[in-house]
Amino acid sequence: MAILNLGSINWDRVFRMDRFPIAGETLTAKSVSVGLGGKGLNQSVAIARSGGDVRHLGAVGAEDSSIIAALADTGIGDDLVARVKGEETGSATIFVDDAGENIIVLDPGANEKIPDDAIDAAFGEMTESDWLLFQNETNQAERSVDLALAKGMRVAYAAAPFVEERVLPLLGKVDLLAVNAVEMAQLEKVLGGREYLPEGLGLLVTRGRDGAELTMDGQSFSANAFEVDVVDSTGAGDVFLGVLLGEIDRKQPKPEALRVASVAAALQVGRPGASTAIPTRAEIDRFLERQTSEVEKQQKLT
């Protein structure tokens, strides 16, 4: 079993601010950093670091000599990453305030230029026991979904950034739809209500501090968010979905999968950055052990 992630690869330029500027205002950042990101890459790193089997399908600028070395540091292979001539690697400009909230502006670059031959090569390696995961930050989504269905693969769709024209035609073709609270509200507004989602569609809704809900295979589950000091919320939803899907792919019980994903997201938001802040499996397990010890102590006291 494996997860093929058709996903964006970005250089993230992060500006840390006391607060966000208002229209027409100029503010000086407290600090600026550059690192790897992109919803797709964040998800792939989260899957890999939590113990899942992921293959990242994407594209970067052919002239970007430093991106491949940076990808190698994440533990994600680059054999399915196309080098696109005449295009820049995708980028994101991210503003993070003192509360850890963020504003993000994307330049898709090579993410929107993934060639057909890269898609064909990737799906040639997949089987019916595998998953396709994708978002709205690359091209080739519709073609990839059709190839996945032809192979008998299951399909997970992170419908972000929310684009009505992209999302609606794909709803009937996916097994699991992942959205945050804002995207869920946008979708319900377009559809006229949650009841108009396709019957049997799995649904993950992440709500930040308010936890997450998963409806899948006719059952519903929820998970509370762990209380942590938020440093940077960038990528938290990506980490949650990546870890959750990795657990589901390995046939873990869904309540436990949600709990592991919640821990990973909590560790993520307690650190600055996107892909560099994603926790390892060992860190997740240590956090879970501490939580279990605390619960046992409380039970003894009572």
Foldseek 3Di string as FASTA:
>chain_A
DEEEELWAKAWEKEFEEQDDDDPPDDDHGPDIDIAIDGLRLLLQLLLVQQPFHYAYAFEAALPPPCRQVRSVVSVHDCPLYYHDYPWHRKYKYWYAHQQQDIDIDIDLIRQAVRDPVSLVVVLVPDALLYEYEYEPSHPPPVVNLVSCVVRNHAYEYADPPPDPVPPVVCQVRHQEYEYEPVSVVVVCVVQVHPVSRDPQRWYWYQYVQQWIWTDHPNDIDTDHADDDRFRHQPALSSSLVSQLVRCVSVVHPNNVSSLLSSLQSRQQRNDDDRSVSGHGSVVSVVVVVVVVVVVVVVVVVD
